[in-house]
C-alpha atoms as a PDB file:
ATOM      1  CA  MET A   1      14.238 -22.299  20.534  1.00  0.00           C
ATOM      2  CA  ILE A   2      10.950 -24.012  19.728  1.00  0.00           C
ATOM      3  CA  ASP A   3      10.362 -24.911  16.092  1.00  0.00           C
ATOM      4  CA  ARG A   4       6.964 -23.705  15.014  1.00  0.00           C
ATOM      5  CA  PRO A   5       5.144 -24.519  11.804  1.00  0.00           C
ATOM      6  CA  ALA A   6       5.121 -21.792   9.195  1.00  0.00           C
ATOM      7  CA  PRO A   7       2.167 -19.459   9.666  1.00  0.00           C
ATOM      8  CA  GLU A   8      -0.767 -19.755   7.345  1.00  0.00           C
ATOM      9  CA  ALA A   9      -1.133 -17.261   4.534  1.00  0.00           C
ATOM     10  CA  LEU A  10      -2.746 -14.008   5.544  1.00  0.00           C
ATOM     11  CA  THR A  11      -6.443 -13.704   4.829  1.00  0.00           C
ATOM     12  CA  PRO A  12      -7.763 -10.699   2.901  1.00  0.00           C
ATOM     13  CA  ASP A  13      -9.261  -9.363   6.159  1.00  0.00           C
ATOM     14  CA  GLN A  14      -5.906  -9.675   7.939  1.00  0.00           C
ATOM     15  CA  ILE A  15      -4.122  -7.899   5.098  1.00  0.00           C
ATOM     16  CA  THR A  16      -6.657  -5.079   5.181  1.00  0.00           C
ATOM     17  CA  ALA A  17      -6.366  -4.764   8.967  1.00  0.00           C
ATOM     18  CA  LEU A  18      -2.554  -4.622   8.810  1.00  0.00           C
ATOM     19  CA  VAL A  19      -2.425  -2.113   5.963  1.00  0.00           C
ATOM     20  CA  ASP A  20      -5.028   0.120   7.611  1.00  0.00           C
ATOM     21  CA  TYR A  21      -3.216  -0.064  10.950  1.00  0.00           C
ATOM     22  CA  ALA A  22       0.135   0.753   9.355  1.00  0.00           C
ATOM     23  CA  ARG A  23      -1.335   3.730   7.500  1.00  0.00           C
ATOM     24  CA  GLN A  24      -2.960   5.010  10.666  1.00  0.00           C
ATOM     25  CA  HIS A  25       0.142   4.686  12.863  1.00  0.00           C
ATOM     26  CA  GLY A  26       2.973   5.465  10.446  1.00  0.00           C
ATOM     27  CA  ARG A  27       6.590   4.360  10.737  1.00  0.00           C
ATOM     28  CA  SER A  28       6.278   2.950  14.244  1.00  0.00           C
ATOM     29  CA  TRP A  29       3.250   0.789  13.483  1.00  0.00           C
ATOM     30  CA  LYS A  30       5.007  -2.495  14.276  1.00  0.00           C
ATOM     31  CA  SER A  31       6.225  -1.456  17.712  1.00  0.00           C
ATOM     32  CA  ARG A  32       2.836   0.018  18.542  1.00  0.00           C
ATOM     33  CA  LEU A  33       1.046  -3.137  17.408  1.00  0.00           C
ATOM     34  CA  ALA A  34       3.457  -5.296  19.426  1.00  0.00           C
ATOM     35  CA  ARG A  35       2.628  -3.222  22.533  1.00  0.00           C
ATOM     36  CA  GLU A  36      -1.095  -3.594  21.850  1.00  0.00           C
ATOM     37  CA  TRP A  37      -0.671  -7.353  21.454  1.00  0.00           C
ATOM     38  CA  ARG A  38       1.112  -7.550  24.817  1.00  0.00           C
ATOM     39  CA  ALA A  39      -1.599  -5.434  26.452  1.00  0.00           C
ATOM     40  CA  VAL A  40      -4.373  -7.396  24.686  1.00  0.00           C
ATOM     41  CA  SER A  41      -5.793  -4.127  23.390  1.00  0.00           C
ATOM     42  CA  ALA A  42      -5.549  -4.628  19.625  1.00  0.00           C
ATOM     43  CA  SER A  43      -8.663  -4.946  17.490  1.00  0.00           C
ATOM     44  CA  ALA A  44     -10.169  -8.404  17.162  1.00  0.00           C
ATOM     45  CA  ASP A  45      -8.799  -8.935  13.629  1.00  0.00           C
ATOM     46  CA  LEU A  46      -5.285  -7.960  14.675  1.00  0.00           C
ATOM     47  CA  HIS A  47      -5.417  -9.990  17.866  1.00  0.00           C
ATOM     48  CA  ARG A  48      -6.461 -13.088  15.899  1.00  0.00           C
ATOM     49  CA  LEU A  49      -3.429 -12.457  13.704  1.00  0.00           C
ATOM     50  CA  ARG A  50      -1.241 -12.501  16.809  1.00  0.00           C
ATOM     51  CA  ASN A  51      -2.747 -15.833  17.811  1.00  0.00           C
ATOM     52  CA  THR A  52      -2.269 -17.425  14.396  1.00  0.00           C
ATOM     53  CA  HIS A  53       1.120 -15.985  13.477  1.00  0.00           C
ATOM     54  CA  ASP A  54       2.934 -15.463  16.808  1.00  0.00           C
ATOM     55  CA  PRO A  55       4.372 -12.140  17.970  1.00  0.00           C
ATOM     56  CA  ALA A  56       7.849 -13.001  16.635  1.00  0.00           C
ATOM     57  CA  TRP A  57       6.379 -13.126  13.129  1.00  0.00           C
ATOM     58  CA  LEU A  58       5.689  -9.392  13.273  1.00  0.00           C
ATOM     59  CA  THR A  59       9.390  -8.542  13.532  1.00  0.00           C
ATOM     60  CA  THR A  60      10.149 -10.168  10.176  1.00  0.00           C
ATOM     61  CA  PHE A  61       6.948  -9.265   8.341  1.00  0.00           C
ATOM     62  CA  ARG A  62       7.118  -6.531   5.692  1.00  0.00           C
ATOM     63  CA  LEU A  63       4.088  -4.888   4.137  1.00  0.00           C
ATOM     64  CA  ASP A  64       5.861  -4.726   0.793  1.00  0.00           C
ATOM     65  CA  SER A  65       6.039  -8.531   0.827  1.00  0.00           C
ATOM     66  CA  LEU A  66       2.306  -8.504   0.129  1.00  0.00           C
ATOM     67  CA  THR A  67       2.930  -7.009  -3.301  1.00  0.00           C
ATOM     68  CA  ARG A  68       5.920  -9.187  -4.226  1.00  0.00           C
ATOM     69  CA  LYS A  69       3.934 -12.375  -4.815  1.00  0.00           C
ATOM     70  CA  GLY A  70       4.532 -14.184  -8.078  1.00  0.00           C
END
């Protein structure tokens, strides 16, 4: 396994894109987004997120983690 540096914090635009995508696609939003990343068909904001955070990051990411800061 390759050690990768921790991803940078999400930008406000990335957070908005993720939340909007999750609301639009419901419970299966992560698997759908992963498919779009593989097919290079995600929106520009979400594809940049793939490039900065790596597809494996998506499997551990939780939307509720955005509200548990502090």
